[in-house]
Amino acid sequence: MTVKTKAEKEKLLEELDYLAKQMKYNAIKYFKPYEKQKEFYKFGATKRERLLMAGNQVGKTHAGAAEVTYHLTGLYPDWWKGRRWDRGVRCWVAGETSLATRDVQQKKLCGEPGVNEDFGAGLIPLELFVDKPSMSRGVRPASSNARSAASTKRSCRSSSSPTNPA
């Protein structure tokens, strides 16, 4: 496609800007799991507990955040074979310390902590937040909970491990 006029260029820039915002603030729509991640999700339909064990930096946290997002929003993709909730859910997202929870899990779900323009740039789509998550006590700008507009009963809390609070 050859863009010739200024109007065509401006229209193309508008479309690219829209797509970039969609990819940033609706990232879950663009998540494509690996086969092992799909297998992990599928076991969720029949198993109460599962383990996703893999090497460093291969998508374990991202896969977990995606599953949390699907359950909280109720927006399951067509390929989803795992458990589906037909009602609002509440969940906990935890880590070894409050800092680790903020910097890893909260970032994956909500976007970069403390950066206003990145709120909603995680896997939970910006449009589904009822409001900004409430801030936790202690570690700033960690969130203690967030609510999804998909249902008033869908919410998520984050916490450090009770055995290693920070």
N, C-alpha and C. Protein backbone atom coordinates (compact mmCIF):
# COMPACT_ATOMS: atom_id res chain seq x y z
N MET A 1 0.85 -1.18 0.00
CA MET A 1 0.00 0.00 0.00
C MET A 1 0.89 1.24 0.00
N THR A 2 0.66 2.10 -0.94
CA THR A 2 1.41 3.35 -1.03
C THR A 2 0.53 4.49 -0.54
N VAL A 3 1.04 5.20 0.47
CA VAL A 3 0.32 6.35 1.01
C VAL A 3 0.82 7.58 0.30
N LYS A 4 -0.10 8.31 -0.32
CA LYS A 4 0.33 9.45 -1.14
C LYS A 4 -0.03 10.80 -0.53
N THR A 5 -1.24 10.95 -0.05
CA THR A 5 -1.67 12.26 0.41
C THR A 5 -1.43 12.43 1.91
N LYS A 6 -1.42 13.68 2.31
CA LYS A 6 -1.27 13.99 3.74
C LYS A 6 -2.45 13.42 4.53
N ALA A 7 -3.64 13.49 3.98
CA ALA A 7 -4.83 12.95 4.65
C ALA A 7 -4.72 11.44 4.85
N GLU A 8 -4.19 10.73 3.84
CA GLU A 8 -4.01 9.28 3.95
C GLU A 8 -2.98 8.94 5.03
N LYS A 9 -1.91 9.75 5.07
CA LYS A 9 -0.87 9.54 6.09
C LYS A 9 -1.44 9.77 7.48
N GLU A 10 -2.22 10.83 7.64
CA GLU A 10 -2.82 11.14 8.94
C GLU A 10 -3.79 10.03 9.38
N LYS A 11 -4.58 9.52 8.43
CA LYS A 11 -5.51 8.44 8.73
C LYS A 11 -4.75 7.19 9.16
N LEU A 12 -3.66 6.88 8.46
CA LEU A 12 -2.84 5.72 8.81
C LEU A 12 -2.23 5.89 10.19
N LEU A 13 -1.75 7.08 10.51
CA LEU A 13 -1.20 7.35 11.85
C LEU A 13 -2.26 7.18 12.93
N GLU A 14 -3.48 7.65 12.67
CA GLU A 14 -4.58 7.49 13.62
C GLU A 14 -4.87 6.01 13.85
N GLU A 15 -4.89 5.22 12.79
CA GLU A 15 -5.15 3.79 12.90
C GLU A 15 -4.04 3.09 13.67
N LEU A 16 -2.80 3.46 13.41
CA LEU A 16 -1.67 2.87 14.14
C LEU A 16 -1.70 3.25 15.62
N ASP A 17 -2.07 4.50 15.92
CA ASP A 17 -2.18 4.95 17.29
C ASP A 17 -3.29 4.17 18.02
N TYR A 18 -4.41 3.97 17.34
CA TYR A 18 -5.52 3.19 17.92
C TYR A 18 -5.07 1.76 18.21
N LEU A 19 -4.38 1.13 17.26
CA LEU A 19 -3.90 -0.23 17.45
C LEU A 19 -2.90 -0.31 18.59
N ALA A 20 -1.99 0.65 18.68
CA ALA A 20 -1.01 0.67 19.77
C ALA A 20 -1.70 0.78 21.12
N LYS A 21 -2.74 1.61 21.22
CA LYS A 21 -3.49 1.74 22.48
C LYS A 21 -4.24 0.45 22.79
N GLN A 22 -4.80 -0.19 21.78
CA GLN A 22 -5.49 -1.46 21.99
C GLN A 22 -4.52 -2.50 22.53
N MET A 23 -3.34 -2.57 21.95
CA MET A 23 -2.35 -3.55 22.38
C MET A 23 -1.84 -3.25 23.79
N LYS A 24 -1.78 -1.98 24.14
CA LYS A 24 -1.30 -1.60 25.47
C LYS A 24 -2.37 -1.79 26.53
N TYR A 25 -3.59 -1.36 26.26
CA TYR A 25 -4.63 -1.35 27.29
C TYR A 25 -5.63 -2.51 27.17
N ASN A 26 -5.37 -3.45 26.26
CA ASN A 26 -6.19 -4.64 26.13
C ASN A 26 -5.27 -5.80 25.75
N ALA A 27 -4.15 -5.91 26.49
CA ALA A 27 -3.09 -6.86 26.16
C ALA A 27 -3.56 -8.31 26.17
N ILE A 28 -4.53 -8.64 27.00
CA ILE A 28 -4.99 -10.03 27.10
C ILE A 28 -5.54 -10.53 25.76
N LYS A 29 -6.09 -9.63 24.99
CA LYS A 29 -6.64 -9.98 23.68
C LYS A 29 -5.56 -10.53 22.75
N TYR A 30 -4.32 -10.13 22.96
CA TYR A 30 -3.22 -10.51 22.09
C TYR A 30 -2.35 -11.63 22.66
N PHE A 31 -2.74 -12.16 23.81
CA PHE A 31 -1.98 -13.25 24.44
C PHE A 31 -2.22 -14.55 23.69
N LYS A 32 -1.14 -15.18 23.26
CA LYS A 32 -1.20 -16.48 22.59
C LYS A 32 -0.33 -17.45 23.38
N PRO A 33 -0.95 -18.37 24.11
CA PRO A 33 -0.17 -19.27 24.96
C PRO A 33 0.59 -20.33 24.17
N TYR A 34 1.69 -20.79 24.77
CA TYR A 34 2.42 -21.93 24.24
C TYR A 34 1.58 -23.18 24.50
N GLU A 35 1.91 -24.27 23.83
CA GLU A 35 1.16 -25.52 24.00
C GLU A 35 1.21 -26.00 25.45
N LYS A 36 2.35 -25.88 26.12
CA LYS A 36 2.47 -26.32 27.52
C LYS A 36 1.58 -25.47 28.43
N GLN A 37 1.46 -24.19 28.13
CA GLN A 37 0.57 -23.33 28.90
C GLN A 37 -0.88 -23.74 28.68
N LYS A 38 -1.24 -24.03 27.45
CA LYS A 38 -2.61 -24.50 27.16
C LYS A 38 -2.91 -25.79 27.92
N GLU A 39 -1.94 -26.68 27.96
CA GLU A 39 -2.12 -27.94 28.69
C GLU A 39 -2.34 -27.65 30.18
N PHE A 40 -1.56 -26.72 30.72
CA PHE A 40 -1.72 -26.32 32.12
C PHE A 40 -3.13 -25.78 32.36
N TYR A 41 -3.61 -24.92 31.50
CA TYR A 41 -4.96 -24.36 31.64
C TYR A 41 -6.01 -25.46 31.57
N LYS A 42 -5.84 -26.39 30.64
CA LYS A 42 -6.80 -27.48 30.45
C LYS A 42 -6.96 -28.30 31.73
N PHE A 43 -5.85 -28.57 32.42
CA PHE A 43 -5.93 -29.33 33.67
C PHE A 43 -6.75 -28.62 34.73
N GLY A 44 -6.89 -27.30 34.61
CA GLY A 44 -7.69 -26.55 35.57
C GLY A 44 -9.15 -26.97 35.58
N ALA A 45 -9.63 -27.58 34.50
CA ALA A 45 -11.02 -28.02 34.43
C ALA A 45 -11.27 -29.25 35.30
N THR A 46 -10.21 -30.04 35.55
CA THR A 46 -10.40 -31.30 36.28
C THR A 46 -9.55 -31.43 37.54
N LYS A 47 -8.56 -30.59 37.68
CA LYS A 47 -7.65 -30.70 38.83
C LYS A 47 -7.78 -29.48 39.73
N ARG A 48 -7.81 -29.72 41.03
CA ARG A 48 -7.91 -28.63 41.99
C ARG A 48 -6.58 -27.88 42.13
N GLU A 49 -5.48 -28.61 42.07
CA GLU A 49 -4.15 -28.00 42.18
C GLU A 49 -3.32 -28.40 40.97
N ARG A 50 -2.51 -27.45 40.50
CA ARG A 50 -1.64 -27.69 39.36
C ARG A 50 -0.30 -27.04 39.61
N LEU A 51 0.71 -27.46 38.88
CA LEU A 51 2.05 -26.87 38.96
C LEU A 51 2.52 -26.57 37.55
N LEU A 52 2.92 -25.34 37.33
CA LEU A 52 3.53 -24.96 36.06
C LEU A 52 5.01 -24.74 36.34
N MET A 53 5.81 -25.74 36.01
CA MET A 53 7.24 -25.68 36.31
C MET A 53 8.01 -25.59 34.99
N ALA A 54 8.86 -24.59 34.90
CA ALA A 54 9.64 -24.39 33.67
C ALA A 54 10.87 -23.55 34.00
N GLY A 55 11.69 -23.32 33.01
CA GLY A 55 12.91 -22.54 33.17
C GLY A 55 12.64 -21.07 33.41
N ASN A 56 13.71 -20.32 33.57
CA ASN A 56 13.61 -18.88 33.81
C ASN A 56 13.14 -18.15 32.57
N GLN A 57 12.27 -17.16 32.78
CA GLN A 57 11.84 -16.25 31.72
C GLN A 57 11.19 -16.94 30.53
N VAL A 58 10.34 -17.95 30.79
CA VAL A 58 9.68 -18.63 29.68
C VAL A 58 8.15 -18.48 29.72
N GLY A 59 7.62 -17.66 30.65
CA GLY A 59 6.20 -17.35 30.60
C GLY A 59 5.34 -17.90 31.72
N LYS A 60 5.92 -18.39 32.80
CA LYS A 60 5.12 -18.92 33.91
C LYS A 60 4.27 -17.83 34.56
N THR A 61 4.87 -16.71 34.91
CA THR A 61 4.14 -15.62 35.56
C THR A 61 3.11 -15.03 34.61
N HIS A 62 3.47 -14.87 33.36
CA HIS A 62 2.54 -14.32 32.38
C HIS A 62 1.34 -15.25 32.20
N ALA A 63 1.61 -16.55 32.16
CA ALA A 63 0.52 -17.53 32.03
C ALA A 63 -0.41 -17.47 33.25
N GLY A 64 0.16 -17.35 34.44
CA GLY A 64 -0.65 -17.24 35.65
C GLY A 64 -1.47 -15.97 35.66
N ALA A 65 -0.86 -14.86 35.25
CA ALA A 65 -1.59 -13.59 35.21
C ALA A 65 -2.70 -13.64 34.17
N ALA A 66 -2.46 -14.32 33.07
CA ALA A 66 -3.50 -14.46 32.05
C ALA A 66 -4.69 -15.25 32.61
N GLU A 67 -4.40 -16.33 33.32
CA GLU A 67 -5.50 -17.12 33.90
C GLU A 67 -6.28 -16.30 34.92
N VAL A 68 -5.60 -15.56 35.77
CA VAL A 68 -6.28 -14.68 36.72
C VAL A 68 -7.16 -13.69 35.97
N THR A 69 -6.64 -13.11 34.90
CA THR A 69 -7.40 -12.15 34.11
C THR A 69 -8.66 -12.78 33.52
N TYR A 70 -8.54 -13.97 32.96
CA TYR A 70 -9.72 -14.64 32.38
C TYR A 70 -10.78 -14.89 33.45
N HIS A 71 -10.37 -15.37 34.61
CA HIS A 71 -11.34 -15.65 35.68
C HIS A 71 -11.96 -14.37 36.23
N LEU A 72 -11.16 -13.33 36.39
CA LEU A 72 -11.70 -12.08 36.94
C LEU A 72 -12.65 -11.38 35.98
N THR A 73 -12.33 -11.42 34.71
CA THR A 73 -13.15 -10.70 33.74
C THR A 73 -14.27 -11.55 33.15
N GLY A 74 -14.09 -12.87 33.18
CA GLY A 74 -15.07 -13.75 32.54
C GLY A 74 -14.93 -13.76 31.03
N LEU A 75 -13.89 -13.13 30.50
CA LEU A 75 -13.67 -13.06 29.06
C LEU A 75 -12.72 -14.18 28.62
N TYR A 76 -13.27 -15.38 28.51
CA TYR A 76 -12.45 -16.53 28.13
C TYR A 76 -12.32 -16.58 26.60
N PRO A 77 -11.11 -16.86 26.10
CA PRO A 77 -10.93 -16.96 24.65
C PRO A 77 -11.55 -18.26 24.13
N ASP A 78 -11.74 -18.33 22.83
CA ASP A 78 -12.35 -19.51 22.21
C ASP A 78 -11.55 -20.78 22.47
N TRP A 79 -10.23 -20.68 22.54
CA TRP A 79 -9.38 -21.85 22.72
C TRP A 79 -9.37 -22.37 24.15
N TRP A 80 -9.94 -21.65 25.11
CA TRP A 80 -9.86 -21.98 26.53
C TRP A 80 -10.58 -23.31 26.82
N LYS A 81 -9.83 -24.26 27.38
CA LYS A 81 -10.40 -25.57 27.75
C LYS A 81 -10.37 -25.79 29.27
N GLY A 82 -9.87 -24.81 30.01
CA GLY A 82 -9.79 -24.93 31.46
C GLY A 82 -11.11 -24.62 32.12
N ARG A 83 -11.08 -24.51 33.44
CA ARG A 83 -12.29 -24.20 34.18
C ARG A 83 -12.81 -22.82 33.79
N ARG A 84 -14.12 -22.73 33.70
CA ARG A 84 -14.78 -21.45 33.42
C ARG A 84 -15.71 -21.14 34.57
N TRP A 85 -15.62 -19.93 35.05
CA TRP A 85 -16.53 -19.48 36.09
C TRP A 85 -17.69 -18.73 35.43
N ASP A 86 -18.89 -19.08 35.82
CA ASP A 86 -20.07 -18.41 35.25
C ASP A 86 -20.64 -17.38 36.22
N ARG A 87 -19.84 -17.04 37.22
CA ARG A 87 -20.23 -16.04 38.22
C ARG A 87 -18.99 -15.24 38.59
N GLY A 88 -19.20 -14.17 39.32
CA GLY A 88 -18.07 -13.38 39.77
C GLY A 88 -17.17 -14.17 40.71
N VAL A 89 -15.88 -13.89 40.68
CA VAL A 89 -14.92 -14.58 41.54
C VAL A 89 -14.08 -13.57 42.31
N ARG A 90 -13.50 -14.04 43.38
CA ARG A 90 -12.50 -13.28 44.13
C ARG A 90 -11.23 -14.11 44.14
N CYS A 91 -10.11 -13.44 44.07
CA CYS A 91 -8.85 -14.19 44.07
C CYS A 91 -7.79 -13.45 44.87
N TRP A 92 -6.75 -14.18 45.22
CA TRP A 92 -5.57 -13.62 45.84
C TRP A 92 -4.41 -13.80 44.88
N VAL A 93 -3.58 -12.79 44.78
CA VAL A 93 -2.34 -12.88 44.03
C VAL A 93 -1.24 -12.59 45.04
N ALA A 94 -0.32 -13.52 45.20
CA ALA A 94 0.68 -13.39 46.27
C ALA A 94 2.09 -13.60 45.74
N GLY A 95 3.04 -13.11 46.52
CA GLY A 95 4.45 -13.30 46.21
C GLY A 95 5.23 -13.42 47.49
N GLU A 96 6.52 -13.63 47.37
CA GLU A 96 7.37 -13.79 48.55
C GLU A 96 7.39 -12.54 49.43
N THR A 97 7.41 -11.38 48.80
CA THR A 97 7.43 -10.12 49.55
C THR A 97 6.45 -9.15 48.90
N SER A 98 6.13 -8.10 49.61
CA SER A 98 5.26 -7.07 49.04
C SER A 98 5.90 -6.44 47.81
N LEU A 99 7.21 -6.20 47.88
CA LEU A 99 7.91 -5.62 46.73
C LEU A 99 7.85 -6.53 45.52
N ALA A 100 8.09 -7.82 45.72
CA ALA A 100 8.05 -8.76 44.61
C ALA A 100 6.63 -8.85 44.04
N THR A 101 5.63 -8.82 44.88
CA THR A 101 4.25 -8.88 44.42
C THR A 101 3.92 -7.65 43.58
N ARG A 102 4.33 -6.49 44.06
CA ARG A 102 4.08 -5.24 43.32
C ARG A 102 4.82 -5.25 41.99
N ASP A 103 6.10 -5.59 42.02
CA ASP A 103 6.94 -5.46 40.84
C ASP A 103 6.72 -6.55 39.79
N VAL A 104 6.12 -7.67 40.18
CA VAL A 104 5.92 -8.76 39.23
C VAL A 104 4.43 -8.96 38.95
N GLN A 105 3.70 -9.49 39.92
CA GLN A 105 2.30 -9.82 39.67
C GLN A 105 1.43 -8.59 39.40
N GLN A 106 1.56 -7.56 40.24
CA GLN A 106 0.73 -6.36 40.03
C GLN A 106 1.04 -5.73 38.68
N LYS A 107 2.30 -5.69 38.31
CA LYS A 107 2.69 -5.12 37.02
C LYS A 107 2.07 -5.92 35.87
N LYS A 108 2.10 -7.24 35.97
CA LYS A 108 1.52 -8.08 34.92
C LYS A 108 0.01 -7.85 34.79
N LEU A 109 -0.67 -7.66 35.91
CA LEU A 109 -2.13 -7.53 35.88
C LEU A 109 -2.60 -6.11 35.61
N CYS A 110 -1.92 -5.10 36.19
CA CYS A 110 -2.44 -3.73 36.17
C CYS A 110 -1.58 -2.73 35.40
N GLY A 111 -0.36 -3.07 35.10
CA GLY A 111 0.56 -2.13 34.47
C GLY A 111 1.62 -1.68 35.47
N GLU A 112 2.52 -0.85 35.02
CA GLU A 112 3.64 -0.40 35.85
C GLU A 112 3.13 0.33 37.10
N PRO A 113 3.46 -0.16 38.29
CA PRO A 113 3.00 0.50 39.52
C PRO A 113 3.54 1.93 39.64
N GLY A 114 2.65 2.86 39.97
CA GLY A 114 3.03 4.23 40.21
C GLY A 114 3.16 5.10 38.96
N VAL A 115 2.93 4.53 37.78
CA VAL A 115 3.01 5.29 36.54
C VAL A 115 1.59 5.45 36.02
N ASN A 116 1.01 6.64 36.21
CA ASN A 116 -0.40 6.85 35.88
C ASN A 116 -0.77 6.46 34.46
N GLU A 117 0.07 6.83 33.48
CA GLU A 117 -0.28 6.52 32.09
C GLU A 117 -0.16 5.03 31.77
N ASP A 118 0.45 4.26 32.67
CA ASP A 118 0.55 2.81 32.47
C ASP A 118 -0.51 2.03 33.24
N PHE A 119 -1.33 2.72 34.03
CA PHE A 119 -2.41 2.01 34.72
C PHE A 119 -3.35 1.43 33.66
N GLY A 120 -3.62 0.14 33.76
CA GLY A 120 -4.46 -0.53 32.78
C GLY A 120 -3.67 -1.12 31.64
N ALA A 121 -2.34 -1.01 31.68
CA ALA A 121 -1.50 -1.55 30.62
C ALA A 121 -1.05 -2.97 30.92
N GLY A 122 -1.61 -3.58 31.96
CA GLY A 122 -1.34 -4.99 32.24
C GLY A 122 -2.32 -5.85 31.47
N LEU A 123 -2.49 -7.08 31.89
CA LEU A 123 -3.38 -7.99 31.18
C LEU A 123 -4.86 -7.69 31.42
N ILE A 124 -5.22 -7.12 32.57
CA ILE A 124 -6.62 -6.76 32.80
C ILE A 124 -6.89 -5.50 31.97
N PRO A 125 -7.85 -5.56 31.05
CA PRO A 125 -8.11 -4.39 30.20
C PRO A 125 -8.51 -3.16 31.01
N LEU A 126 -7.97 -2.02 30.63
CA LEU A 126 -8.23 -0.75 31.31
C LEU A 126 -9.72 -0.50 31.48
N GLU A 127 -10.50 -0.75 30.44
CA GLU A 127 -11.94 -0.45 30.47
C GLU A 127 -12.70 -1.29 31.49
N LEU A 128 -12.09 -2.36 32.01
CA LEU A 128 -12.80 -3.22 32.95
C LEU A 128 -12.54 -2.88 34.42
N PHE A 129 -11.67 -1.93 34.68
CA PHE A 129 -11.46 -1.52 36.06
C PHE A 129 -12.61 -0.61 36.48
N VAL A 130 -13.16 -0.86 37.67
CA VAL A 130 -14.21 0.00 38.20
C VAL A 130 -13.60 1.33 38.59
N ASP A 131 -12.44 1.27 39.21
CA ASP A 131 -11.68 2.46 39.60
C ASP A 131 -10.23 2.03 39.76
N LYS A 132 -9.37 2.96 40.11
CA LYS A 132 -7.98 2.59 40.34
C LYS A 132 -7.91 1.72 41.58
N PRO A 133 -7.01 0.73 41.59
CA PRO A 133 -6.87 -0.12 42.78
C PRO A 133 -6.50 0.70 44.01
N SER A 134 -6.98 0.27 45.16
CA SER A 134 -6.62 0.97 46.39
C SER A 134 -5.19 0.63 46.76
N MET A 135 -4.48 1.60 47.29
CA MET A 135 -3.08 1.42 47.62
C MET A 135 -2.92 0.62 48.90
N SER A 136 -1.86 -0.17 48.94
CA SER A 136 -1.58 -0.96 50.13
C SER A 136 -0.87 -0.12 51.16
N ARG A 137 -0.85 -0.61 52.35
CA ARG A 137 -0.08 0.05 53.41
C ARG A 137 1.36 -0.46 53.32
N GLY A 138 2.31 0.37 53.48
CA GLY A 138 3.69 -0.07 53.47
C GLY A 138 4.39 0.23 52.16
N VAL A 139 4.39 -0.70 51.24
CA VAL A 139 5.12 -0.55 49.99
C VAL A 139 4.31 0.28 49.01
N ARG A 140 4.84 1.41 48.60
CA ARG A 140 4.18 2.25 47.60
C ARG A 140 4.89 2.07 46.28
N PRO A 141 4.25 2.09 45.19
CA PRO A 141 2.83 2.23 44.96
C PRO A 141 2.13 0.88 44.75
N ALA A 142 2.30 -0.04 45.67
CA ALA A 142 1.64 -1.35 45.56
C ALA A 142 0.14 -1.20 45.81
N SER A 143 -0.64 -2.01 45.12
CA SER A 143 -2.09 -2.01 45.31
C SER A 143 -2.46 -3.14 46.25
N SER A 144 -3.47 -2.91 47.07
CA SER A 144 -3.93 -3.99 47.92
C SER A 144 -5.11 -4.71 47.30
N ASN A 145 -5.90 -4.03 46.47
CA ASN A 145 -6.97 -4.73 45.76
C ASN A 145 -7.43 -3.93 44.57
N ALA A 146 -8.11 -4.63 43.67
CA ALA A 146 -8.64 -4.02 42.45
C ALA A 146 -9.98 -4.66 42.16
N ARG A 147 -10.87 -3.90 41.51
CA ARG A 147 -12.18 -4.45 41.16
C ARG A 147 -12.38 -4.36 39.65
N SER A 148 -12.93 -5.44 39.11
CA SER A 148 -13.23 -5.50 37.68
C SER A 148 -14.68 -5.15 37.44
N ALA A 149 -14.94 -4.44 36.37
CA ALA A 149 -16.31 -4.06 36.04
C ALA A 149 -17.11 -5.20 35.45
N ALA A 150 -16.45 -6.31 35.13
CA ALA A 150 -17.17 -7.45 34.56
C ALA A 150 -18.24 -7.94 35.52
N SER A 151 -18.01 -7.78 36.78
CA SER A 151 -18.99 -8.12 37.81
C SER A 151 -18.54 -7.45 39.09
N THR A 152 -19.47 -6.96 39.87
CA THR A 152 -19.07 -6.33 41.12
C THR A 152 -18.50 -7.36 42.08
N LYS A 153 -18.71 -8.63 41.81
CA LYS A 153 -18.17 -9.68 42.67
C LYS A 153 -16.82 -10.18 42.19
N ARG A 154 -16.34 -9.66 41.10
CA ARG A 154 -15.03 -10.07 40.61
C ARG A 154 -14.00 -9.09 41.15
N SER A 155 -13.13 -9.57 41.99
CA SER A 155 -12.10 -8.70 42.55
C SER A 155 -10.83 -9.49 42.80
N CYS A 156 -9.76 -8.78 43.00
CA CYS A 156 -8.46 -9.41 43.19
C CYS A 156 -7.70 -8.70 44.29
N ARG A 157 -7.11 -9.44 45.18
CA ARG A 157 -6.27 -8.89 46.24
C ARG A 157 -4.85 -9.39 46.03
N SER A 158 -3.89 -8.56 46.40
CA SER A 158 -2.51 -9.00 46.33
C SER A 158 -1.93 -8.97 47.73
N SER A 159 -0.98 -9.84 47.95
CA SER A 159 -0.40 -9.96 49.27
C SER A 159 0.96 -10.59 49.19
N SER A 160 1.79 -10.26 50.16
CA SER A 160 3.05 -11.00 50.28
C SER A 160 2.73 -12.26 51.06
N SER A 161 3.64 -13.20 50.99
CA SER A 161 3.45 -14.46 51.70
C SER A 161 3.36 -14.21 53.20
N PRO A 162 2.41 -14.84 53.91
CA PRO A 162 2.30 -14.64 55.34
C PRO A 162 3.53 -15.10 56.10
N THR A 163 4.32 -16.00 55.50
CA THR A 163 5.52 -16.47 56.18
C THR A 163 6.72 -15.56 55.96
N ASN A 164 6.60 -14.64 55.03
CA ASN A 164 7.70 -13.74 54.73
C ASN A 164 7.17 -12.35 54.39
N PRO A 165 6.46 -11.71 55.32
CA PRO A 165 5.89 -10.39 55.00
C PRO A 165 6.98 -9.36 54.82
N ALA A 166 6.69 -8.41 53.97
CA ALA A 166 7.65 -7.31 53.76
C ALA A 166 6.90 -6.00 53.71
